[in-house]
PDB file of N, CA and C in Angstrom:
ATOM      1  N   UNK A   1       0.490  -1.076  -0.330  1.00  0.00           N
ATOM      2  CA  UNK A   1       0.657  -0.146   0.300  1.00  0.00           C
ATOM      3  C   UNK A   1       0.569   1.527  -0.359  1.00  0.00           C
ATOM      4  N   UNK A   2       0.565   2.287  -0.795  1.00  0.00           N
ATOM      5  CA  UNK A   2       1.041   3.388  -0.771  1.00  0.00           C
ATOM      6  C   UNK A   2       0.586   4.329   0.028  1.00  0.00           C
ATOM      7  N   UNK A   3       0.658   5.300   0.831  1.00  0.00           N
ATOM      8  CA  UNK A   3      -0.346   6.519   1.490  1.00  0.00           C
ATOM      9  C   UNK A   3       0.715   7.123   1.933  1.00  0.00           C
ATOM     10  N   UNK A   4       0.331   8.566   2.058  1.00  0.00           N
ATOM     11  CA  UNK A   4       1.756   9.349   2.585  1.00  0.00           C
ATOM     12  C   UNK A   4       1.227   9.527   4.070  1.00  0.00           C
ATOM     13  N   UNK A   5      -0.005   9.986   4.474  1.00  0.00           N
ATOM     14  CA  UNK A   5       0.035  10.503   6.129  1.00  0.00           C
ATOM     15  C   UNK A   5      -1.522  10.222   6.369  1.00  0.00           C
ATOM     16  N   UNK A   6      -1.880   9.978   5.957  1.00  0.00           N
ATOM     17  CA  UNK A   6      -3.416   9.988   6.972  1.00  0.00           C
ATOM     18  C   UNK A   6      -4.141   9.097   7.629  1.00  0.00           C
ATOM     19  N   UNK A   7      -2.723   7.377   7.484  1.00  0.00           N
ATOM     20  CA  UNK A   7      -3.201   6.542   8.142  1.00  0.00           C
ATOM     21  C   UNK A   7      -2.535   6.145   9.134  1.00  0.00           C
ATOM     22  N   UNK A   8      -1.871   7.150   9.498  1.00  0.00           N
ATOM     23  CA  UNK A   8      -0.609   6.785  11.140  1.00  0.00           C
ATOM     24  C   UNK A   8      -1.408   6.559  12.191  1.00  0.00           C
ATOM     25  N   UNK A   9      -2.560   7.317  12.398  1.00  0.00           N
ATOM     26  CA  UNK A   9      -3.720   6.535  13.904  1.00  0.00           C
ATOM     27  C   UNK A   9      -4.318   5.421  13.760  1.00  0.00           C
ATOM     28  N   UNK A  10      -4.021   4.694  12.515  1.00  0.00           N
ATOM     29  CA  UNK A  10      -4.712   3.106  12.925  1.00  0.00           C
ATOM     30  C   UNK A  10      -3.617   2.575  12.527  1.00  0.00           C
ATOM     31  N   UNK A  11      -3.348   2.051  14.226  1.00  0.00           N
ATOM     32  CA  UNK A  11      -2.393   0.832  14.052  1.00  0.00           C
ATOM     33  C   UNK A  11      -2.602  -0.419  13.544  1.00  0.00           C
ATOM     34  N   UNK A  12      -3.720  -0.786  12.506  1.00  0.00           N
ATOM     35  CA  UNK A  12      -3.356  -2.027  11.666  1.00  0.00           C
ATOM     36  C   UNK A  12      -2.932  -1.618  10.197  1.00  0.00           C
ATOM     37  N   UNK A  13      -3.387  -0.579  10.145  1.00  0.00           N
ATOM     38  CA  UNK A  13      -2.832  -0.085   8.685  1.00  0.00           C
ATOM     39  C   UNK A  13      -1.734   0.609   8.814  1.00  0.00           C
ATOM     40  N   UNK A  14      -0.673   1.314   9.672  1.00  0.00           N
ATOM     41  CA  UNK A  14       0.023   2.043   9.995  1.00  0.00           C
ATOM     42  C   UNK A  14       1.116   1.096  10.210  1.00  0.00           C
ATOM     43  N   UNK A  15       0.886  -0.279  10.764  1.00  0.00           N
ATOM     44  CA  UNK A  15       2.355  -1.194  10.222  1.00  0.00           C
ATOM     45  C   UNK A  15       2.940  -1.833   8.740  1.00  0.00           C
ATOM     46  N   UNK A  16       1.128  -2.054   7.925  1.00  0.00           N
ATOM     47  CA  UNK A  16       1.517  -2.102   6.710  1.00  0.00           C
ATOM     48  C   UNK A  16       1.867  -1.311   5.677  1.00  0.00           C
ATOM     49  N   UNK A  17       1.700   0.318   5.895  1.00  0.00           N
ATOM     50  CA  UNK A  17       1.463   1.340   5.362  1.00  0.00           C
ATOM     51  C   UNK A  17       3.260   1.888   4.847  1.00  0.00           C
ATOM     52  N   UNK A  18       2.987   1.846   3.212  1.00  0.00           N
ATOM     53  CA  UNK A  18       4.544   2.393   2.555  1.00  0.00           C
ATOM     54  C   UNK A  18       4.411   4.193   2.421  1.00  0.00           C
ATOM     55  N   UNK A  19       5.014   4.963   2.990  1.00  0.00           N
ATOM     56  CA  UNK A  19       5.477   5.859   2.884  1.00  0.00           C
ATOM     57  C   UNK A  19       6.284   6.632   1.903  1.00  0.00           C
ATOM     58  N   UNK A  20       5.549   6.871   0.352  1.00  0.00           N
ATOM     59  CA  UNK A  20       6.883   7.551  -0.098  1.00  0.00           C
ATOM     60  C   UNK A  20       8.014   8.939  -0.018  1.00  0.00           C
ATOM     61  N   UNK A  21       9.325   8.103  -0.143  1.00  0.00           N
ATOM     62  CA  UNK A  21       9.950   9.348   0.430  1.00  0.00           C
ATOM     63  C   UNK A  21      11.278   9.073  -1.388  1.00  0.00           C
ATOM     64  N   UNK A  22      11.785  10.573  -1.109  1.00  0.00           N
ATOM     65  CA  UNK A  22      12.892  10.624  -2.207  1.00  0.00           C
ATOM     66  C   UNK A  22      14.155  10.733  -2.055  1.00  0.00           C
ATOM     67  N   UNK A  23      14.802   9.682  -2.793  1.00  0.00           N
ATOM     68  CA  UNK A  23      16.167   9.494  -2.572  1.00  0.00           C
ATOM     69  C   UNK A  23      17.126  10.749  -3.179  1.00  0.00           C
ATOM     70  N   UNK A  24      18.029  11.111  -2.223  1.00  0.00           N
ATOM     71  CA  UNK A  24      18.362  12.562  -2.822  1.00  0.00           C
ATOM     72  C   UNK A  24      20.323  12.577  -2.864  1.00  0.00           C
ATOM     73  N   UNK A  25      20.465  13.538  -3.099  1.00  0.00           N
ATOM     74  CA  UNK A  25      22.249  13.429  -3.206  1.00  0.00           C
ATOM     75  C   UNK A  25      22.897  12.529  -1.952  1.00  0.00           C
ATOM     76  N   UNK A  26      23.723  11.762  -2.526  1.00  0.00           N
ATOM     77  CA  UNK A  26      24.720  10.900  -1.959  1.00  0.00           C
ATOM     78  C   UNK A  26      23.766   9.972  -1.460  1.00  0.00           C
ATOM     79  N   UNK A  27      22.442   9.646  -2.033  1.00  0.00           N
ATOM     80  CA  UNK A  27      21.656   8.416  -1.798  1.00  0.00           C
ATOM     81  C   UNK A  27      20.577   8.663  -0.428  1.00  0.00           C
ATOM     82  N   UNK A  28      20.883   9.561   0.334  1.00  0.00           N
ATOM     83  CA  UNK A  28      20.131  10.290   1.372  1.00  0.00           C
ATOM     84  C   UNK A  28      18.790  10.088   0.925  1.00  0.00           C
ATOM     85  N   UNK A  29      18.115   9.759   2.351  1.00  0.00           N
ATOM     86  CA  UNK A  29      16.414   9.501   2.298  1.00  0.00           C
ATOM     87  C   UNK A  29      16.160  10.211   4.079  1.00  0.00           C
ATOM     88  N   UNK A  30      15.432  10.979   3.726  1.00  0.00           N
ATOM     89  CA  UNK A  30      14.767  11.847   5.243  1.00  0.00           C
ATOM     90  C   UNK A  30      13.284  10.613   5.564  1.00  0.00           C
ATOM     91  N   UNK A  31      13.033  10.367   7.025  1.00  0.00           N
ATOM     92  CA  UNK A  31      12.899   9.520   7.450  1.00  0.00           C
ATOM     93  C   UNK A  31      11.665  10.825   7.859  1.00  0.00           C
ATOM     94  N   UNK A  32      10.345  10.631   7.476  1.00  0.00           N
ATOM     95  CA  UNK A  32       9.246  11.393   7.977  1.00  0.00           C
ATOM     96  C   UNK A  32       9.663  11.242   9.130  1.00  0.00           C
ATOM     97  N   UNK A  33       8.450  12.656   9.833  1.00  0.00           N
ATOM     98  CA  UNK A  33       8.893  12.928  11.225  1.00  0.00           C
ATOM     99  C   UNK A  33       8.355  12.356  12.068  1.00  0.00           C
ATOM    100  N   UNK A  34       6.845  12.141  11.265  1.00  0.00           N
ATOM    101  CA  UNK A  34       5.870  11.196  12.547  1.00  0.00           C
ATOM    102  C   UNK A  34       6.658   9.984  13.034  1.00  0.00           C
ATOM    103  N   UNK A  35       7.099   9.305  11.857  1.00  0.00           N
ATOM    104  CA  UNK A  35       7.983   7.792  11.914  1.00  0.00           C
ATOM    105  C   UNK A  35       9.089   8.224  12.704  1.00  0.00           C
ATOM    106  N   UNK A  36       9.834   9.338  13.128  1.00  0.00           N
ATOM    107  CA  UNK A  36      10.937   9.482  13.549  1.00  0.00           C
ATOM    108  C   UNK A  36      10.247   9.331  15.503  1.00  0.00           C
ATOM    109  N   UNK A  37       9.780  10.476  15.091  1.00  0.00           N
ATOM    110  CA  UNK A  37       9.078  10.655  16.594  1.00  0.00           C
ATOM    111  C   UNK A  37       7.982   8.974  17.028  1.00  0.00           C
ATOM    112  N   UNK A  38       7.819   8.753  16.243  1.00  0.00           N
ATOM    113  CA  UNK A  38       6.870   7.492  16.994  1.00  0.00           C
ATOM    114  C   UNK A  38       8.515   6.215  17.266  1.00  0.00           C
ATOM    115  N   UNK A  39       9.485   6.224  16.397  1.00  0.00           N
ATOM    116  CA  UNK A  39      10.385   5.251  16.890  1.00  0.00           C
ATOM    117  C   UNK A  39      11.517   5.936  17.849  1.00  0.00           C
ATOM    118  N   UNK A  40      11.654   6.823  18.046  1.00  0.00           N
ATOM    119  CA  UNK A  40      12.448   7.935  18.942  1.00  0.00           C
ATOM    120  C   UNK A  40      13.524   7.797  18.124  1.00  0.00           C
ATOM    121  N   UNK A  41      13.837   8.200  17.007  1.00  0.00           N
ATOM    122  CA  UNK A  41      15.167   8.630  16.353  1.00  0.00           C
ATOM    123  C   UNK A  41      14.859  10.149  16.534  1.00  0.00           C
ATOM    124  N   UNK A  42      16.017  10.647  16.341  1.00  0.00           N
ATOM    125  CA  UNK A  42      16.658  11.893  16.988  1.00  0.00           C
ATOM    126  C   UNK A  42      17.960  12.235  15.927  1.00  0.00           C
ATOM    127  N   UNK A  43      18.033  13.446  15.441  1.00  0.00           N
ATOM    128  CA  UNK A  43      18.915  13.962  14.928  1.00  0.00           C
ATOM    129  C   UNK A  43      20.477  13.116  15.522  1.00  0.00           C
ATOM    130  N   UNK A  44      21.394  12.121  14.919  1.00  0.00           N
ATOM    131  CA  UNK A  44      22.538  11.495  15.651  1.00  0.00           C
ATOM    132  C   UNK A  44      22.045   9.852  16.054  1.00  0.00           C
ATOM    133  N   UNK A  45      20.718   9.220  16.020  1.00  0.00           N
ATOM    134  CA  UNK A  45      20.907   8.532  16.532  1.00  0.00           C
ATOM    135  C   UNK A  45      21.350   7.586  15.037  1.00  0.00           C
ATOM    136  N   UNK A  46      21.714   6.135  15.800  1.00  0.00           N
ATOM    137  CA  UNK A  46      22.406   5.468  15.486  1.00  0.00           C
ATOM    138  C   UNK A  46      21.168   4.474  14.595  1.00  0.00           C
ATOM    139  N   UNK A  47      21.316   3.527  13.314  1.00  0.00           N
ATOM    140  CA  UNK A  47      20.329   2.625  13.310  1.00  0.00           C
ATOM    141  C   UNK A  47      20.913   1.777  12.244  1.00  0.00           C
ATOM    142  N   UNK A  48      20.287   0.800  12.541  1.00  0.00           N
ATOM    143  CA  UNK A  48      20.963  -0.394  11.635  1.00  0.00           C
ATOM    144  C   UNK A  48      20.393  -0.681  10.051  1.00  0.00           C
ATOM    145  N   UNK A  49      21.281  -1.265   9.180  1.00  0.00           N
ATOM    146  CA  UNK A  49      20.484  -0.794   7.297  1.00  0.00           C
ATOM    147  C   UNK A  49      20.571  -2.272   7.054  1.00  0.00           C
ATOM    148  N   UNK A  50      19.865  -3.025   7.054  1.00  0.00           N
ATOM    149  CA  UNK A  50      20.093  -4.703   6.204  1.00  0.00           C
ATOM    150  C   UNK A  50      19.323  -4.603   5.393  1.00  0.00           C
ATOM    151  N   UNK A  51      19.646  -5.269   4.250  1.00  0.00           N
ATOM    152  CA  UNK A  51      18.764  -5.836   2.906  1.00  0.00           C
ATOM    153  C   UNK A  51      18.081  -7.460   3.435  1.00  0.00           C
ATOM    154  N   UNK A  52      17.059  -7.475   3.466  1.00  0.00           N
ATOM    155  CA  UNK A  52      15.817  -8.665   3.447  1.00  0.00           C
ATOM    156  C   UNK A  52      15.501  -8.857   2.327  1.00  0.00           C
ATOM    157  N   UNK A  53      15.966  -9.684   1.120  1.00  0.00           N
ATOM    158  CA  UNK A  53      14.902 -10.533   0.177  1.00  0.00           C
ATOM    159  C   UNK A  53      14.790  -8.902  -0.921  1.00  0.00           C
ATOM    160  N   UNK A  54      15.618  -8.253  -0.511  1.00  0.00           N
ATOM    161  CA  UNK A  54      15.480  -6.872  -1.602  1.00  0.00           C
ATOM    162  C   UNK A  54      14.554  -5.703  -0.837  1.00  0.00           C
ATOM    163  N   UNK A  55      14.531  -5.764   0.226  1.00  0.00           N
ATOM    164  CA  UNK A  55      14.129  -4.564   0.784  1.00  0.00           C
ATOM    165  C   UNK A  55      14.733  -4.056   1.505  1.00  0.00           C
ATOM    166  N   UNK A  56      15.096  -2.801   2.070  1.00  0.00           N
ATOM    167  CA  UNK A  56      15.892  -1.898   2.874  1.00  0.00           C
ATOM    168  C   UNK A  56      15.101  -1.916   4.254  1.00  0.00           C
ATOM    169  N   UNK A  57      15.688  -2.660   5.063  1.00  0.00           N
ATOM    170  CA  UNK A  57      14.876  -2.192   6.307  1.00  0.00           C
ATOM    171  C   UNK A  57      15.734  -1.744   7.470  1.00  0.00           C
ATOM    172  N   UNK A  58      15.456  -0.775   8.042  1.00  0.00           N
ATOM    173  CA  UNK A  58      16.092   0.249   9.316  1.00  0.00           C
ATOM    174  C   UNK A  58      15.497  -0.599  10.201  1.00  0.00           C
ATOM    175  N   UNK A  59      16.619  -0.430  11.449  1.00  0.00           N
ATOM    176  CA  UNK A  59      16.333  -1.161  12.898  1.00  0.00           C
ATOM    177  C   UNK A  59      17.101   0.063  13.988  1.00  0.00           C
ATOM    178  N   UNK A  60      16.096   0.236  14.730  1.00  0.00           N
ATOM    179  CA  UNK A  60      16.945   0.911  15.723  1.00  0.00           C
ATOM    180  C   UNK A  60      17.281   0.134  16.878  1.00  0.00           C
ATOM    181  N   UNK A  61      18.366   0.651  17.751  1.00  0.00           N
ATOM    182  CA  UNK A  61      18.908  -0.489  18.310  1.00  0.00           C
ATOM    183  C   UNK A  61      18.224  -0.840  19.397  1.00  0.00           C
ATOM    184  N   UNK A  62      16.626  -0.585  20.132  1.00  0.00           N
ATOM    185  CA  UNK A  62      16.154  -0.888  20.766  1.00  0.00           C
ATOM    186  C   UNK A  62      15.703  -2.477  20.446  1.00  0.00           C
ATOM    187  N   UNK A  63      15.436  -1.956  19.105  1.00  0.00           N
ATOM    188  CA  UNK A  63      14.368  -3.125  18.316  1.00  0.00           C
ATOM    189  C   UNK A  63      15.455  -4.013  18.132  1.00  0.00           C
ATOM    190  N   UNK A  64      16.743  -4.389  17.904  1.00  0.00           N
ATOM    191  CA  UNK A  64      17.943  -5.006  17.459  1.00  0.00           C
ATOM    192  C   UNK A  64      18.093  -5.582  19.274  1.00  0.00           C
ATOM    193  N   UNK A  65      18.139  -5.200  20.023  1.00  0.00           N
ATOM    194  CA  UNK A  65      18.330  -5.585  21.364  1.00  0.00           C
ATOM    195  C   UNK A  65      16.984  -6.507  21.444  1.00  0.00           C
ATOM    196  N   UNK A  66      16.058  -5.984  21.422  1.00  0.00           N
ATOM    197  CA  UNK A  66      14.731  -7.134  21.935  1.00  0.00           C
ATOM    198  C   UNK A  66      14.797  -8.491  20.530  1.00  0.00           C
ATOM    199  N   UNK A  67      15.218  -7.912  20.086  1.00  0.00           N
ATOM    200  CA  UNK A  67      14.845  -9.204  18.582  1.00  0.00           C
ATOM    201  C   UNK A  67      15.715 -10.096  19.196  1.00  0.00           C
ATOM    202  N   UNK A  68      17.196  -9.306  19.173  1.00  0.00           N
ATOM    203  CA  UNK A  68      18.518 -10.694  20.067  1.00  0.00           C
ATOM    204  C   UNK A  68      17.826 -11.214  21.622  1.00  0.00           C
ATOM    205  N   UNK A  69      17.526 -10.694  22.171  1.00  0.00           N
ATOM    206  CA  UNK A  69      16.978 -11.123  23.476  1.00  0.00           C
ATOM    207  C   UNK A  69      15.743 -11.851  23.202  1.00  0.00           C
ATOM    208  N   UNK A  70      14.783 -12.386  22.270  1.00  0.00           N
ATOM    209  CA  UNK A  70      14.298 -12.883  21.869  1.00  0.00           C
ATOM    210  C   UNK A  70      14.709 -14.320  21.273  1.00  0.00           C
ATOM    211  N   UNK A  71      15.603 -13.815  20.488  1.00  0.00           N
ATOM    212  CA  UNK A  71      16.134 -15.036  19.690  1.00  0.00           C
ATOM    213  C   UNK A  71      17.254 -15.579  20.736  1.00  0.00           C
ATOM    214  N   UNK A  72      17.412 -15.740  22.003  1.00  0.00           N
ATOM    215  CA  UNK A  72      18.092 -15.806  23.002  1.00  0.00           C
ATOM    216  C   UNK A  72      17.484 -16.005  24.308  1.00  0.00           C
ATOM    217  N   UNK A  73      16.459 -16.026  24.182  1.00  0.00           N
ATOM    218  CA  UNK A  73      15.302 -16.319  25.512  1.00  0.00           C
ATOM    219  C   UNK A  73      15.453 -17.647  26.218  1.00  0.00           C
ATOM    220  N   UNK A  74      15.925 -18.804  25.399  1.00  0.00           N
ATOM    221  CA  UNK A  74      16.142 -19.737  25.864  1.00  0.00           C
ATOM    222  C   UNK A  74      17.273 -20.584  26.444  1.00  0.00           C
ATOM    223  N   UNK A  75      18.417 -19.780  26.135  1.00  0.00           N
ATOM    224  CA  UNK A  75      19.343 -19.724  25.848  1.00  0.00           C
ATOM    225  C   UNK A  75      20.092 -19.611  27.735  1.00  0.00           C
ATOM    226  N   UNK A  76      21.144 -20.289  28.006  1.00  0.00           N
ATOM    227  CA  UNK A  76      21.260 -20.369  29.256  1.00  0.00           C
ATOM    228  C   UNK A  76      21.664 -18.884  29.788  1.00  0.00           C
ATOM    229  N   UNK A  77      21.330 -18.520  31.325  1.00  0.00           N
ATOM    230  CA  UNK A  77      21.804 -16.530  31.882  1.00  0.00           C
ATOM    231  C   UNK A  77      22.983 -16.860  31.250  1.00  0.00           C
ATOM    232  N   UNK A  78      24.178 -17.908  31.885  1.00  0.00           N
ATOM    233  CA  UNK A  78      25.622 -17.198  31.903  1.00  0.00           C
ATOM    234  C   UNK A  78      26.301 -18.365  30.747  1.00  0.00           C
ATOM    235  N   UNK A  79      26.066 -18.014  29.717  1.00  0.00           N
ATOM    236  CA  UNK A  79      26.967 -19.109  28.735  1.00  0.00           C
ATOM    237  C   UNK A  79      28.199 -19.639  29.368  1.00  0.00           C
ATOM    238  N   UNK A  80      28.844 -17.969  29.176  1.00  0.00           N
ATOM    239  CA  UNK A  80      30.503 -18.223  29.604  1.00  0.00           C
ATOM    240  C   UNK A  80      30.697 -19.273  31.088  1.00  0.00           C
ATOM    241  N   UNK A  81      29.829 -19.313  31.639  1.00  0.00           N
ATOM    242  CA  UNK A  81      29.901 -20.514  33.017  1.00  0.00           C
ATOM    243  C   UNK A  81      29.151 -21.900  32.372  1.00  0.00           C
ATOM    244  N   UNK A  82      28.774 -21.712  31.403  1.00  0.00           N
ATOM    245  CA  UNK A  82      28.279 -23.221  31.206  1.00  0.00           C
ATOM    246  C   UNK A  82      29.538 -23.732  29.994  1.00  0.00           C
ATOM    247  N   UNK A  83      30.071 -22.897  29.594  1.00  0.00           N
ATOM    248  CA  UNK A  83      31.298 -23.509  28.723  1.00  0.00           C
ATOM    249  C   UNK A  83      32.289 -23.934  29.656  1.00  0.00           C
ATOM    250  N   UNK A  84      32.459 -22.790  30.490  1.00  0.00           N
ATOM    251  CA  UNK A  84      33.556 -22.891  31.619  1.00  0.00           C
ATOM    252  C   UNK A  84      33.492 -24.824  32.476  1.00  0.00           C
ATOM    253  N   UNK A  85      32.368 -25.270  32.673  1.00  0.00           N
ATOM    254  CA  UNK A  85      31.688 -25.639  33.221  1.00  0.00           C
ATOM    255  C   UNK A  85      32.318 -27.131  32.506  1.00  0.00           C
ATOM    256  N   UNK A  86      31.709 -26.715  31.174  1.00  0.00           N
ATOM    257  CA  UNK A  86      32.093 -28.225  30.230  1.00  0.00           C
ATOM    258  C   UNK A  86      33.406 -28.665  29.640  1.00  0.00           C
ATOM    259  N   UNK A  87      34.117 -27.615  29.505  1.00  0.00           N
ATOM    260  CA  UNK A  87      35.632 -27.308  29.878  1.00  0.00           C
ATOM    261  C   UNK A  87      36.052 -28.190  30.465  1.00  0.00           C
ATOM    262  N   UNK A  88      35.448 -27.719  31.843  1.00  0.00           N
ATOM    263  CA  UNK A  88      36.221 -28.428  32.887  1.00  0.00           C
ATOM    264  C   UNK A  88      36.614 -29.803  33.178  1.00  0.00           C
ATOM    265  N   UNK A  89      35.164 -30.281  32.897  1.00  0.00           N
ATOM    266  CA  UNK A  89      34.678 -31.688  32.600  1.00  0.00           C
ATOM    267  C   UNK A  89      35.562 -32.006  31.459  1.00  0.00           C
ATOM    268  N   UNK A  90      35.318 -31.751  30.636  1.00  0.00           N
ATOM    269  CA  UNK A  90      36.316 -32.603  29.341  1.00  0.00           C
ATOM    270  C   UNK A  90      37.612 -32.615  30.049  1.00  0.00           C
ATOM    271  N   UNK A  91      38.577 -31.652  31.188  1.00  0.00           N
ATOM    272  CA  UNK A  91      39.659 -31.833  31.553  1.00  0.00           C
ATOM    273  C   UNK A  91      39.569 -33.012  31.705  1.00  0.00           C
ATOM    274  N   UNK A  92      38.760 -32.758  33.104  1.00  0.00           N
ATOM    275  CA  UNK A  92      38.748 -33.748  34.146  1.00  0.00           C
ATOM    276  C   UNK A  92      38.699 -35.329  33.336  1.00  0.00           C
ATOM    277  N   UNK A  93      37.801 -35.096  32.577  1.00  0.00           N
ATOM    278  CA  UNK A  93      38.161 -36.675  31.698  1.00  0.00           C
ATOM    279  C   UNK A  93      39.360 -37.124  31.701  1.00  0.00           C
ATOM    280  N   UNK A  94      39.769 -35.924  30.481  1.00  0.00           N
ATOM    281  CA  UNK A  94      41.196 -36.618  30.121  1.00  0.00           C
ATOM    282  C   UNK A  94      42.391 -36.722  30.816  1.00  0.00           C
ATOM    283  N   UNK A  95      41.905 -36.193  32.134  1.00  0.00           N
ATOM    284  CA  UNK A  95      43.101 -35.860  33.147  1.00  0.00           C
ATOM    285  C   UNK A  95      42.766 -37.856  33.867  1.00  0.00           C
ATOM    286  N   UNK A  96      41.662 -38.557  33.720  1.00  0.00           N
ATOM    287  CA  UNK A  96      41.395 -39.627  33.873  1.00  0.00           C
ATOM    288  C   UNK A  96      41.940 -40.210  33.070  1.00  0.00           C
ATOM    289  N   UNK A  97      41.448 -40.512  31.933  1.00  0.00           N
ATOM    290  CA  UNK A  97      42.187 -41.132  30.864  1.00  0.00           C
ATOM    291  C   UNK A  97      43.638 -41.377  31.312  1.00  0.00           C
ATOM    292  N   UNK A  98      44.221 -40.544  31.188  1.00  0.00           N
ATOM    293  CA  UNK A  98      45.932 -40.433  31.262  1.00  0.00           C
ATOM    294  C   UNK A  98      46.329 -40.862  32.464  1.00  0.00           C
ATOM    295  N   UNK A  99      45.685 -40.726  33.605  1.00  0.00           N
ATOM    296  CA  UNK A  99      46.010 -41.243  34.866  1.00  0.00           C
ATOM    297  C   UNK A  99      45.483 -42.801  35.064  1.00  0.00           C
ATOM    298  N   UNK A 100      44.735 -43.421  34.165  1.00  0.00           N
ATOM    299  CA  UNK A 100      44.068 -44.745  33.460  1.00  0.00           C
ATOM    300  C   UNK A 100      45.476 -45.535  33.050  1.00  0.00           C
ATOM    301  N   UNK A 101      45.568 -44.711  31.800  1.00  0.00           N
ATOM    302  CA  UNK A 101      47.056 -44.878  31.373  1.00  0.00           C
ATOM    303  C   UNK A 101      48.163 -45.255  32.129  1.00  0.00           C
ATOM    304  N   UNK A 102      48.715 -44.403  32.627  1.00  0.00           N
ATOM    305  CA  UNK A 102      49.784 -44.105  34.124  1.00  0.00           C
ATOM    306  C   UNK A 102      49.858 -45.535  34.500  1.00  0.00           C
ATOM    307  N   UNK A 103      48.644 -45.606  35.358  1.00  0.00           N
ATOM    308  CA  UNK A 103      48.276 -46.619  35.775  1.00  0.00           C
ATOM    309  C   UNK A 103      49.121 -47.883  35.187  1.00  0.00           C
ATOM    310  N   UNK A 104      48.237 -48.207  34.268  1.00  0.00           N
ATOM    311  CA  UNK A 104      48.183 -49.697  33.249  1.00  0.00           C
ATOM    312  C   UNK A 104      49.741 -49.730  32.946  1.00  0.00           C
ATOM    313  N   UNK A 105      50.775 -48.815  33.030  1.00  0.00           N
ATOM    314  CA  UNK A 105      51.861 -48.937  32.456  1.00  0.00           C
ATOM    315  C   UNK A 105      51.987 -49.097  33.479  1.00  0.00           C
ATOM    316  N   UNK A 106      52.580 -48.440  34.756  1.00  0.00           N
ATOM    317  CA  UNK A 106      53.123 -48.707  36.202  1.00  0.00           C
ATOM    318  C   UNK A 106      52.521 -50.374  36.706  1.00  0.00           C
ATOM    319  N   UNK A 107      51.347 -50.752  36.124  1.00  0.00           N
ATOM    320  CA  UNK A 107      51.224 -51.875  36.641  1.00  0.00           C
ATOM    321  C   UNK A 107      52.247 -53.432  35.893  1.00  0.00           C
ATOM    322  N   UNK A 108      52.371 -53.077  34.566  1.00  0.00           N
ATOM    323  CA  UNK A 108      53.053 -53.646  34.000  1.00  0.00           C
ATOM    324  C   UNK A 108      54.535 -53.933  34.469  1.00  0.00           C
ATOM    325  N   UNK A 109      54.963 -52.902  34.787  1.00  0.00           N
ATOM    326  CA  UNK A 109      56.486 -53.170  35.142  1.00  0.00           C
ATOM    327  C   UNK A 109      56.805 -53.547  36.324  1.00  0.00           C
TER     328      UNK A 109
END
């Protein structure tokens, strides 16, 4: 849907509304004021840009954080502690194998 500005107060239309903007010099695009206000984008705000199936998407830091939290919501709270515990268990198993091999050699002597 191509609209200009009449649907911003209707949530179900606002989400799928495309607002026409013009690409200016050096590829610059002006984000309409009502969109900037809604997303909390001010001068100097950094946003992410990605291309997804031929669509250019702008993503605010807050949205990126929210999406990352959602992606990793089932991950353990402290991944580094879990990794250290796994490494310690592997090291203990390796040490046990080495000790068993040394004990076997010593018994043969």
